[in-house]
Amino acid sequence: TKTAVAVLEIPCMRPVDSKGGPVPALKERGDDLRTKHLNELIKNVVDEYPSQVYFVEGPTEWCNSAKISSSLSYRWDGVHVYKPGAKLILETIADDLLAIPVRSRK
């Protein structure tokens, strides 16, 4: 089948130790160059399937807004989103997701 797949970019992360978190903050997650490299690798795979797989960019605020990127209201440990972070992502990607062609299931 020719199912369309959307792949959401890996965001910039600002990990912090948080009480009750399952693991300590991993500093590697906060390395924007690593994140950029992973996204480039993902884009290379997406480019292999141009009519089926779509790379969707997330909120630029994760990298460009210190107020949002480091806010524990958006990501409770600087990595995993909480309700405001999920809302930010959805509002950012909704139009891109809706632009992906829908194929008949025949």
PDB file of N, CA and C in Angstrom:
ATOM      1  N   THR A   1       0.834  -1.186   0.000  1.00  0.00           N
ATOM      2  CA  THR A   1       0.000   0.000   0.000  1.00  0.00           C
ATOM      3  C   THR A   1       0.877   1.247   0.000  1.00  0.00           C
ATOM      4  N   LYS A   2       0.266   2.325  -0.321  1.00  0.00           N
ATOM      5  CA  LYS A   2       0.980   3.607  -0.364  1.00  0.00           C
ATOM      6  C   LYS A   2       0.451   4.522   0.736  1.00  0.00           C
ATOM      7  N   THR A   3       0.667   4.129   1.942  1.00  0.00           N
ATOM      8  CA  THR A   3       0.234   4.915   3.087  1.00  0.00           C
ATOM      9  C   THR A   3       1.159   6.108   3.288  1.00  0.00           C
ATOM     10  N   ALA A   4       0.573   7.263   3.540  1.00  0.00           N
ATOM     11  CA  ALA A   4       1.373   8.453   3.823  1.00  0.00           C
ATOM     12  C   ALA A   4       1.818   8.427   5.281  1.00  0.00           C
ATOM     13  N   VAL A   5       3.064   8.814   5.492  1.00  0.00           N
ATOM     14  CA  VAL A   5       3.639   8.843   6.835  1.00  0.00           C
ATOM     15  C   VAL A   5       4.221  10.231   7.075  1.00  0.00           C
ATOM     16  N   ALA A   6       3.902  10.801   8.229  1.00  0.00           N
ATOM     17  CA  ALA A   6       4.484  12.080   8.627  1.00  0.00           C
ATOM     18  C   ALA A   6       5.468  11.826   9.759  1.00  0.00           C
ATOM     19  N   VAL A   7       6.654  12.396   9.628  1.00  0.00           N
ATOM     20  CA  VAL A   7       7.690  12.258  10.654  1.00  0.00           C
ATOM     21  C   VAL A   7       7.947  13.645  11.243  1.00  0.00           C
ATOM     22  N   LEU A   8       7.723  13.766  12.540  1.00  0.00           N
ATOM     23  CA  LEU A   8       7.930  15.044  13.215  1.00  0.00           C
ATOM     24  C   LEU A   8       9.394  15.198  13.575  1.00  0.00           C
ATOM     25  N   GLU A   9       9.941  16.364  13.290  1.00  0.00           N
ATOM     26  CA  GLU A   9      11.349  16.605  13.597  1.00  0.00           C
ATOM     27  C   GLU A   9      11.634  16.419  15.085  1.00  0.00           C
ATOM     28  N   ILE A  10      12.859  16.095  15.378  1.00  0.00           N
ATOM     29  CA  ILE A  10      13.312  16.011  16.763  1.00  0.00           C
ATOM     30  C   ILE A  10      13.588  17.443  17.218  1.00  0.00           C
ATOM     31  N   PRO A  11      12.977  17.873  18.312  1.00  0.00           N
ATOM     32  CA  PRO A  11      13.142  19.264  18.727  1.00  0.00           C
ATOM     33  C   PRO A  11      14.432  19.506  19.492  1.00  0.00           C
ATOM     34  N   CYS A  12      14.821  20.770  19.564  1.00  0.00           N
ATOM     35  CA  CYS A  12      15.875  21.148  20.505  1.00  0.00           C
ATOM     36  C   CYS A  12      15.340  20.848  21.899  1.00  0.00           C
ATOM     37  N   MET A  13      16.202  20.357  22.753  1.00  0.00           N
ATOM     38  CA  MET A  13      15.777  20.008  24.111  1.00  0.00           C
ATOM     39  C   MET A  13      16.639  20.741  25.123  1.00  0.00           C
ATOM     40  N   ARG A  14      16.068  20.983  26.279  1.00  0.00           N
ATOM     41  CA  ARG A  14      16.771  21.646  27.375  1.00  0.00           C
ATOM     42  C   ARG A  14      16.580  20.811  28.645  1.00  0.00           C
ATOM     43  N   PRO A  15      17.230  19.619  28.700  1.00  0.00           N
ATOM     44  CA  PRO A  15      16.981  18.690  29.805  1.00  0.00           C
ATOM     45  C   PRO A  15      17.404  19.229  31.169  1.00  0.00           C
ATOM     46  N   VAL A  16      16.563  18.949  32.151  1.00  0.00           N
ATOM     47  CA  VAL A  16      16.856  19.296  33.545  1.00  0.00           C
ATOM     48  C   VAL A  16      16.451  18.111  34.414  1.00  0.00           C
ATOM     49  N   ASP A  17      17.136  17.944  35.520  1.00  0.00           N
ATOM     50  CA  ASP A  17      16.712  16.930  36.481  1.00  0.00           C
ATOM     51  C   ASP A  17      15.384  17.382  37.075  1.00  0.00           C
ATOM     52  N   SER A  18      14.433  16.473  37.117  1.00  0.00           N
ATOM     53  CA  SER A  18      13.141  16.821  37.698  1.00  0.00           C
ATOM     54  C   SER A  18      12.755  15.768  38.721  1.00  0.00           C
ATOM     55  N   LYS A  19      12.190  16.235  39.788  1.00  0.00           N
ATOM     56  CA  LYS A  19      11.785  15.344  40.866  1.00  0.00           C
ATOM     57  C   LYS A  19      10.745  14.355  40.342  1.00  0.00           C
ATOM     58  N   GLY A  20      10.981  13.086  40.590  1.00  0.00           N
ATOM     59  CA  GLY A  20      10.053  12.061  40.146  1.00  0.00           C
ATOM     60  C   GLY A  20      10.281  11.598  38.726  1.00  0.00           C
ATOM     61  N   GLY A  21      11.237  12.197  38.027  1.00  0.00           N
ATOM     62  CA  GLY A  21      11.519  11.781  36.660  1.00  0.00           C
ATOM     63  C   GLY A  21      12.156  10.400  36.636  1.00  0.00           C
ATOM     64  N   PRO A  22      11.927   9.631  35.581  1.00  0.00           N
ATOM     65  CA  PRO A  22      12.435   8.258  35.528  1.00  0.00           C
ATOM     66  C   PRO A  22      13.946   8.150  35.350  1.00  0.00           C
ATOM     67  N   VAL A  23      14.558   9.140  34.737  1.00  0.00           N
ATOM     68  CA  VAL A  23      16.011   9.110  34.522  1.00  0.00           C
ATOM     69  C   VAL A  23      16.578  10.505  34.777  1.00  0.00           C
ATOM     70  N   PRO A  24      17.853  10.584  35.105  1.00  0.00           N
ATOM     71  CA  PRO A  24      18.452  11.916  35.251  1.00  0.00           C
ATOM     72  C   PRO A  24      18.534  12.604  33.887  1.00  0.00           C
ATOM     73  N   ALA A  25      18.665  13.906  33.919  1.00  0.00           N
ATOM     74  CA  ALA A  25      18.798  14.660  32.669  1.00  0.00           C
ATOM     75  C   ALA A  25      20.030  14.173  31.915  1.00  0.00           C
ATOM     76  N   LEU A  26      19.860  13.892  30.651  1.00  0.00           N
ATOM     77  CA  LEU A  26      20.970  13.453  29.804  1.00  0.00           C
ATOM     78  C   LEU A  26      21.452  14.661  29.005  1.00  0.00           C
ATOM     79  N   LYS A  27      22.659  15.132  29.302  1.00  0.00           N
ATOM     80  CA  LYS A  27      23.153  16.367  28.684  1.00  0.00           C
ATOM     81  C   LYS A  27      23.222  16.266  27.168  1.00  0.00           C
ATOM     82  N   GLU A  28      23.403  15.055  26.634  1.00  0.00           N
ATOM     83  CA  GLU A  28      23.478  14.884  25.179  1.00  0.00           C
ATOM     84  C   GLU A  28      22.210  15.382  24.494  1.00  0.00           C
ATOM     85  N   ARG A  29      21.082  15.249  25.179  1.00  0.00           N
ATOM     86  CA  ARG A  29      19.818  15.695  24.597  1.00  0.00           C
ATOM     87  C   ARG A  29      19.790  17.205  24.388  1.00  0.00           C
ATOM     88  N   GLY A  30      20.574  17.932  25.146  1.00  0.00           N
ATOM     89  CA  GLY A  30      20.608  19.382  25.022  1.00  0.00           C
ATOM     90  C   GLY A  30      21.590  19.895  23.992  1.00  0.00           C
ATOM     91  N   ASP A  31      22.238  18.997  23.271  1.00  0.00           N
ATOM     92  CA  ASP A  31      23.216  19.383  22.253  1.00  0.00           C
ATOM     93  C   ASP A  31      22.488  19.611  20.930  1.00  0.00           C
ATOM     94  N   ASP A  32      22.257  20.863  20.580  1.00  0.00           N
ATOM     95  CA  ASP A  32      21.502  21.187  19.369  1.00  0.00           C
ATOM     96  C   ASP A  32      22.162  20.669  18.100  1.00  0.00           C
ATOM     97  N   LEU A  33      23.480  20.539  18.091  1.00  0.00           N
ATOM     98  CA  LEU A  33      24.157  19.999  16.904  1.00  0.00           C
ATOM     99  C   LEU A  33      23.810  18.527  16.706  1.00  0.00           C
ATOM    100  N   ARG A  34      23.686  17.774  17.794  1.00  0.00           N
ATOM    101  CA  ARG A  34      23.282  16.365  17.687  1.00  0.00           C
ATOM    102  C   ARG A  34      21.862  16.260  17.139  1.00  0.00           C
ATOM    103  N   THR A  35      20.990  17.094  17.686  1.00  0.00           N
ATOM    104  CA  THR A  35      19.602  17.091  17.230  1.00  0.00           C
ATOM    105  C   THR A  35      19.529  17.450  15.750  1.00  0.00           C
ATOM    106  N   LYS A  36      20.267  18.457  15.350  1.00  0.00           N
ATOM    107  CA  LYS A  36      20.292  18.863  13.939  1.00  0.00           C
ATOM    108  C   LYS A  36      20.786  17.713  13.063  1.00  0.00           C
ATOM    109  N   HIS A  37      21.821  17.024  13.508  1.00  0.00           N
ATOM    110  CA  HIS A  37      22.359  15.897  12.743  1.00  0.00           C
ATOM    111  C   HIS A  37      21.321  14.781  12.602  1.00  0.00           C
ATOM    112  N   LEU A  38      20.637  14.463  13.686  1.00  0.00           N
ATOM    113  CA  LEU A  38      19.604  13.426  13.620  1.00  0.00           C
ATOM    114  C   LEU A  38      18.497  13.820  12.648  1.00  0.00           C
ATOM    115  N   ASN A  39      18.090  15.079  12.672  1.00  0.00           N
ATOM    116  CA  ASN A  39      17.062  15.533  11.739  1.00  0.00           C
ATOM    117  C   ASN A  39      17.546  15.461  10.296  1.00  0.00           C
ATOM    118  N   GLU A  40      18.812  15.745  10.059  1.00  0.00           N
ATOM    119  CA  GLU A  40      19.362  15.616   8.704  1.00  0.00           C
ATOM    120  C   GLU A  40      19.324  14.160   8.249  1.00  0.00           C
ATOM    121  N   LEU A  41      19.647  13.235   9.141  1.00  0.00           N
ATOM    122  CA  LEU A  41      19.575  11.812   8.797  1.00  0.00           C
ATOM    123  C   LEU A  41      18.141  11.402   8.481  1.00  0.00           C
ATOM    124  N   ILE A  42      17.206  11.874   9.282  1.00  0.00           N
ATOM    125  CA  ILE A  42      15.798  11.560   9.037  1.00  0.00           C
ATOM    126  C   ILE A  42      15.354  12.126   7.696  1.00  0.00           C
ATOM    127  N   LYS A  43      15.748  13.359   7.390  1.00  0.00           N
ATOM    128  CA  LYS A  43      15.385  13.968   6.107  1.00  0.00           C
ATOM    129  C   LYS A  43      15.952  13.172   4.937  1.00  0.00           C
ATOM    130  N   ASN A  44      17.134  12.605   5.094  1.00  0.00           N
ATOM    131  CA  ASN A  44      17.710  11.773   4.034  1.00  0.00           C
ATOM    132  C   ASN A  44      16.831  10.565   3.750  1.00  0.00           C
ATOM    133  N   VAL A  45      16.299   9.960   4.787  1.00  0.00           N
ATOM    134  CA  VAL A  45      15.399   8.816   4.601  1.00  0.00           C
ATOM    135  C   VAL A  45      14.086   9.282   3.981  1.00  0.00           C
ATOM    136  N   VAL A  46      13.541  10.379   4.475  1.00  0.00           N
ATOM    137  CA  VAL A  46      12.297  10.924   3.936  1.00  0.00           C
ATOM    138  C   VAL A  46      12.452  11.206   2.441  1.00  0.00           C
ATOM    139  N   ASP A  47      13.591  11.729   2.036  1.00  0.00           N
ATOM    140  CA  ASP A  47      13.838  12.042   0.625  1.00  0.00           C
ATOM    141  C   ASP A  47      13.816  10.809  -0.270  1.00  0.00           C
ATOM    142  N   GLU A  48      14.016   9.641   0.302  1.00  0.00           N
ATOM    143  CA  GLU A  48      13.968   8.393  -0.472  1.00  0.00           C
ATOM    144  C   GLU A  48      12.531   8.029  -0.864  1.00  0.00           C
ATOM    145  N   TYR A  49      11.557   8.593  -0.186  1.00  0.00           N
ATOM    146  CA  TYR A  49      10.146   8.256  -0.409  1.00  0.00           C
ATOM    147  C   TYR A  49       9.314   9.534  -0.532  1.00  0.00           C
ATOM    148  N   PRO A  50       9.585  10.342  -1.559  1.00  0.00           N
ATOM    149  CA  PRO A  50       8.981  11.676  -1.634  1.00  0.00           C
ATOM    150  C   PRO A  50       7.456  11.702  -1.740  1.00  0.00           C
ATOM    151  N   SER A  51       6.849  10.654  -2.237  1.00  0.00           N
ATOM    152  CA  SER A  51       5.389  10.675  -2.364  1.00  0.00           C
ATOM    153  C   SER A  51       4.690   9.971  -1.207  1.00  0.00           C
ATOM    154  N   GLN A  52       5.471   9.453  -0.263  1.00  0.00           N
ATOM    155  CA  GLN A  52       4.862   8.706   0.830  1.00  0.00           C
ATOM    156  C   GLN A  52       5.234   9.218   2.219  1.00  0.00           C
ATOM    157  N   VAL A  53       6.424   9.766   2.380  1.00  0.00           N
ATOM    158  CA  VAL A  53       6.899  10.152   3.705  1.00  0.00           C
ATOM    159  C   VAL A  53       7.174  11.659   3.713  1.00  0.00           C
ATOM    160  N   TYR A  54       6.692  12.305   4.749  1.00  0.00           N
ATOM    161  CA  TYR A  54       6.769  13.758   4.846  1.00  0.00           C
ATOM    162  C   TYR A  54       7.446  14.153   6.156  1.00  0.00           C
ATOM    163  N   PHE A  55       8.407  15.048   6.058  1.00  0.00           N
ATOM    164  CA  PHE A  55       9.087  15.587   7.237  1.00  0.00           C
ATOM    165  C   PHE A  55       8.320  16.823   7.679  1.00  0.00           C
ATOM    166  N   VAL A  56       7.916  16.848   8.931  1.00  0.00           N
ATOM    167  CA  VAL A  56       7.130  17.960   9.457  1.00  0.00           C
ATOM    168  C   VAL A  56       7.960  18.692  10.509  1.00  0.00           C
ATOM    169  N   GLU A  57       8.165  19.969  10.285  1.00  0.00           N
ATOM    170  CA  GLU A  57       8.934  20.768  11.239  1.00  0.00           C
ATOM    171  C   GLU A  57       8.054  21.172  12.411  1.00  0.00           C
ATOM    172  N   GLY A  58       8.622  21.069  13.590  1.00  0.00           N
ATOM    173  CA  GLY A  58       7.904  21.440  14.807  1.00  0.00           C
ATOM    174  C   GLY A  58       8.109  22.901  15.141  1.00  0.00           C
ATOM    175  N   PRO A  59       7.730  23.288  16.345  1.00  0.00           N
ATOM    176  CA  PRO A  59       7.842  24.685  16.762  1.00  0.00           C
ATOM    177  C   PRO A  59       9.289  25.184  16.790  1.00  0.00           C
ATOM    178  N   THR A  60       9.517  26.334  16.195  1.00  0.00           N
ATOM    179  CA  THR A  60      10.856  26.935  16.243  1.00  0.00           C
ATOM    180  C   THR A  60      11.191  27.416  17.651  1.00  0.00           C
ATOM    181  N   GLU A  61      10.163  27.609  18.466  1.00  0.00           N
ATOM    182  CA  GLU A  61      10.371  28.098  19.830  1.00  0.00           C
ATOM    183  C   GLU A  61      11.233  27.163  20.668  1.00  0.00           C
ATOM    184  N   TRP A  62      11.235  25.864  20.338  1.00  0.00           N
ATOM    185  CA  TRP A  62      12.067  24.928  21.111  1.00  0.00           C
ATOM    186  C   TRP A  62      13.539  25.317  21.016  1.00  0.00           C
ATOM    187  N   CYS A  63      13.942  25.940  19.915  1.00  0.00           N
ATOM    188  CA  CYS A  63      15.340  26.351  19.738  1.00  0.00           C
ATOM    189  C   CYS A  63      15.543  27.852  19.931  1.00  0.00           C
ATOM    190  N   ASN A  64      14.533  28.639  19.592  1.00  0.00           N
ATOM    191  CA  ASN A  64      14.731  30.085  19.475  1.00  0.00           C
ATOM    192  C   ASN A  64      14.124  30.941  20.575  1.00  0.00           C
ATOM    193  N   SER A  65      13.383  30.357  21.480  1.00  0.00           N
ATOM    194  CA  SER A  65      12.761  31.149  22.543  1.00  0.00           C
ATOM    195  C   SER A  65      13.168  30.597  23.904  1.00  0.00           C
ATOM    196  N   ALA A  66      14.039  31.313  24.578  1.00  0.00           N
ATOM    197  CA  ALA A  66      14.474  30.862  25.907  1.00  0.00           C
ATOM    198  C   ALA A  66      13.294  30.768  26.866  1.00  0.00           C
ATOM    199  N   LYS A  67      12.326  31.649  26.706  1.00  0.00           N
ATOM    200  CA  LYS A  67      11.148  31.643  27.579  1.00  0.00           C
ATOM    201  C   LYS A  67      10.378  30.327  27.456  1.00  0.00           C
ATOM    202  N   ILE A  68      10.217  29.843  26.238  1.00  0.00           N
ATOM    203  CA  ILE A  68       9.457  28.609  26.017  1.00  0.00           C
ATOM    204  C   ILE A  68      10.347  27.378  26.131  1.00  0.00           C
ATOM    205  N   SER A  69      11.526  27.414  25.533  1.00  0.00           N
ATOM    206  CA  SER A  69      12.370  26.206  25.496  1.00  0.00           C
ATOM    207  C   SER A  69      12.796  25.731  26.874  1.00  0.00           C
ATOM    208  N   SER A  70      12.928  26.648  27.806  1.00  0.00           N
ATOM    209  CA  SER A  70      13.368  26.257  29.148  1.00  0.00           C
ATOM    210  C   SER A  70      12.234  26.251  30.171  1.00  0.00           C
ATOM    211  N   SER A  71      11.015  26.503  29.710  1.00  0.00           N
ATOM    212  CA  SER A  71       9.873  26.532  30.619  1.00  0.00           C
ATOM    213  C   SER A  71       9.425  25.120  30.975  1.00  0.00           C
ATOM    214  N   LEU A  72       9.384  24.824  32.256  1.00  0.00           N
ATOM    215  CA  LEU A  72       8.923  23.506  32.705  1.00  0.00           C
ATOM    216  C   LEU A  72       7.408  23.381  32.610  1.00  0.00           C
ATOM    217  N   SER A  73       6.729  24.446  32.233  1.00  0.00           N
ATOM    218  CA  SER A  73       5.293  24.362  31.962  1.00  0.00           C
ATOM    219  C   SER A  73       5.038  23.730  30.596  1.00  0.00           C
ATOM    220  N   TYR A  74       5.981  23.896  29.688  1.00  0.00           N
ATOM    221  CA  TYR A  74       5.849  23.317  28.350  1.00  0.00           C
ATOM    222  C   TYR A  74       6.418  21.899  28.291  1.00  0.00           C
ATOM    223  N   ARG A  75       7.553  21.697  28.936  1.00  0.00           N
ATOM    224  CA  ARG A  75       8.198  20.374  28.985  1.00  0.00           C
ATOM    225  C   ARG A  75       8.660  20.173  30.423  1.00  0.00           C
ATOM    226  N   TRP A  76       8.011  19.264  31.104  1.00  0.00           N
ATOM    227  CA  TRP A  76       8.204  19.127  32.553  1.00  0.00           C
ATOM    228  C   TRP A  76       9.623  18.768  32.951  1.00  0.00           C
ATOM    229  N   ASP A  77      10.389  18.200  32.031  1.00  0.00           N
ATOM    230  CA  ASP A  77      11.797  17.891  32.314  1.00  0.00           C
ATOM    231  C   ASP A  77      12.726  18.480  31.261  1.00  0.00           C
ATOM    232  N   GLY A  78      12.186  19.400  30.469  1.00  0.00           N
ATOM    233  CA  GLY A  78      12.965  20.010  29.401  1.00  0.00           C
ATOM    234  C   GLY A  78      13.019  19.177  28.137  1.00  0.00           C
ATOM    235  N   VAL A  79      12.391  17.992  28.177  1.00  0.00           N
ATOM    236  CA  VAL A  79      12.398  17.071  27.037  1.00  0.00           C
ATOM    237  C   VAL A  79      10.976  16.654  26.658  1.00  0.00           C
ATOM    238  N   HIS A  80      10.241  16.114  27.608  1.00  0.00           N
ATOM    239  CA  HIS A  80       8.912  15.553  27.365  1.00  0.00           C
ATOM    240  C   HIS A  80       7.838  16.615  27.591  1.00  0.00           C
ATOM    241  N   VAL A  81       6.952  16.743  26.609  1.00  0.00           N
ATOM    242  CA  VAL A  81       5.973  17.830  26.658  1.00  0.00           C
ATOM    243  C   VAL A  81       4.866  17.584  27.670  1.00  0.00           C
ATOM    244  N   TYR A  82       4.381  18.690  28.180  1.00  0.00           N
ATOM    245  CA  TYR A  82       3.206  18.737  29.021  1.00  0.00           C
ATOM    246  C   TYR A  82       2.128  19.416  28.172  1.00  0.00           C
ATOM    247  N   LYS A  83       0.954  19.632  28.679  1.00  0.00           N
ATOM    248  CA  LYS A  83      -0.169  20.140  27.888  1.00  0.00           C
ATOM    249  C   LYS A  83       0.152  21.383  27.055  1.00  0.00           C
ATOM    250  N   PRO A  84       0.755  22.433  27.608  1.00  0.00           N
ATOM    251  CA  PRO A  84       1.064  23.598  26.764  1.00  0.00           C
ATOM    252  C   PRO A  84       2.050  23.263  25.632  1.00  0.00           C
ATOM    253  N   GLY A  85       2.990  22.365  25.889  1.00  0.00           N
ATOM    254  CA  GLY A  85       3.931  21.962  24.848  1.00  0.00           C
ATOM    255  C   GLY A  85       3.245  21.176  23.744  1.00  0.00           C
ATOM    256  N   ALA A  86       2.332  20.290  24.131  1.00  0.00           N
ATOM    257  CA  ALA A  86       1.577  19.523  23.141  1.00  0.00           C
ATOM    258  C   ALA A  86       0.715  20.449  22.291  1.00  0.00           C
ATOM    259  N   LYS A  87       0.112  21.435  22.930  1.00  0.00           N
ATOM    260  CA  LYS A  87      -0.712  22.410  22.204  1.00  0.00           C
ATOM    261  C   LYS A  87       0.146  23.205  21.219  1.00  0.00           C
ATOM    262  N   LEU A  88       1.322  23.617  21.652  1.00  0.00           N
ATOM    263  CA  LEU A  88       2.227  24.356  20.771  1.00  0.00           C
ATOM    264  C   LEU A  88       2.597  23.514  19.547  1.00  0.00           C
ATOM    265  N   ILE A  89       2.906  22.254  19.774  1.00  0.00           N
ATOM    266  CA  ILE A  89       3.251  21.366  18.656  1.00  0.00           C
ATOM    267  C   ILE A  89       2.070  21.230  17.705  1.00  0.00           C
ATOM    268  N   LEU A  90       0.894  20.912  18.244  1.00  0.00           N
ATOM    269  CA  LEU A  90      -0.279  20.711  17.397  1.00  0.00           C
ATOM    270  C   LEU A  90      -0.606  21.954  16.580  1.00  0.00           C
ATOM    271  N   GLU A  91      -0.570  23.108  17.219  1.00  0.00           N
ATOM    272  CA  GLU A  91      -0.865  24.343  16.489  1.00  0.00           C
ATOM    273  C   GLU A  91       0.176  24.625  15.413  1.00  0.00           C
ATOM    274  N   THR A  92       1.403  24.198  15.636  1.00  0.00           N
ATOM    275  CA  THR A  92       2.472  24.421  14.658  1.00  0.00           C
ATOM    276  C   THR A  92       2.356  23.487  13.462  1.00  0.00           C
ATOM    277  N   ILE A  93       2.016  22.233  13.702  1.00  0.00           N
ATOM    278  CA  ILE A  93       2.072  21.232  12.629  1.00  0.00           C
ATOM    279  C   ILE A  93       0.738  20.955  11.951  1.00  0.00           C
ATOM    280  N   ALA A  94      -0.361  21.446  12.483  1.00  0.00           N
ATOM    281  CA  ALA A  94      -1.685  21.098  11.960  1.00  0.00           C
ATOM    282  C   ALA A  94      -1.813  21.362  10.463  1.00  0.00           C
ATOM    283  N   ASP A  95      -1.458  22.543  10.011  1.00  0.00           N
ATOM    284  CA  ASP A  95      -1.603  22.864   8.585  1.00  0.00           C
ATOM    285  C   ASP A  95      -0.738  21.962   7.714  1.00  0.00           C
ATOM    286  N   ASP A  96       0.478  21.654   8.168  1.00  0.00           N
ATOM    287  CA  ASP A  96       1.350  20.766   7.393  1.00  0.00           C
ATOM    288  C   ASP A  96       0.766  19.362   7.310  1.00  0.00           C
ATOM    289  N   LEU A  97       0.192  18.891   8.400  1.00  0.00           N
ATOM    290  CA  LEU A  97      -0.424  17.559   8.377  1.00  0.00           C
ATOM    291  C   LEU A  97      -1.631  17.533   7.449  1.00  0.00           C
ATOM    292  N   LEU A  98      -2.441  18.573   7.504  1.00  0.00           N
ATOM    293  CA  LEU A  98      -3.629  18.625   6.646  1.00  0.00           C
ATOM    294  C   LEU A  98      -3.272  18.769   5.169  1.00  0.00           C
ATOM    295  N   ALA A  99      -2.075  19.239   4.869  1.00  0.00           N
ATOM    296  CA  ALA A  99      -1.638  19.396   3.478  1.00  0.00           C
ATOM    297  C   ALA A  99      -1.139  18.088   2.861  1.00  0.00           C
ATOM    298  N   ILE A 100      -0.944  17.067   3.671  1.00  0.00           N
ATOM    299  CA  ILE A 100      -0.481  15.776   3.144  1.00  0.00           C
ATOM    300  C   ILE A 100      -1.615  15.144   2.355  1.00  0.00           C
ATOM    301  N   PRO A 101      -1.351  14.733   1.107  1.00  0.00           N
ATOM    302  CA  PRO A 101      -2.411  14.151   0.283  1.00  0.00           C
ATOM    303  C   PRO A 101      -3.003  12.891   0.917  1.00  0.00           C
ATOM    304  N   VAL A 102      -4.322  12.805   0.830  1.00  0.00           N
ATOM    305  CA  VAL A 102      -5.028  11.623   1.322  1.00  0.00           C
ATOM    306  C   VAL A 102      -5.271  10.707   0.136  1.00  0.00           C
ATOM    307  N   ARG A 103      -4.945   9.445   0.311  1.00  0.00           N
ATOM    308  CA  ARG A 103      -5.107   8.481  -0.772  1.00  0.00           C
ATOM    309  C   ARG A 103      -6.341   7.618  -0.525  1.00  0.00           C
ATOM    310  N   SER A 104      -6.943   7.198  -1.597  1.00  0.00           N
ATOM    311  CA  SER A 104      -8.099   6.310  -1.511  1.00  0.00           C
ATOM    312  C   SER A 104      -7.678   4.967  -0.942  1.00  0.00           C
ATOM    313  N   ARG A 105      -8.552   4.317  -0.193  1.00  0.00           N
ATOM    314  CA  ARG A 105      -8.244   3.014   0.412  1.00  0.00           C
ATOM    315  C   ARG A 105      -8.713   1.867  -0.472  1.00  0.00           C
ATOM    316  N   LYS A 106      -8.894   2.064  -1.747  1.00  0.00           N
ATOM    317  CA  LYS A 106      -9.375   1.005  -2.655  1.00  0.00           C
ATOM    318  C   LYS A 106      -8.342  -0.048  -2.874  1.00  0.00           C
TER     319      LYS A 106
END
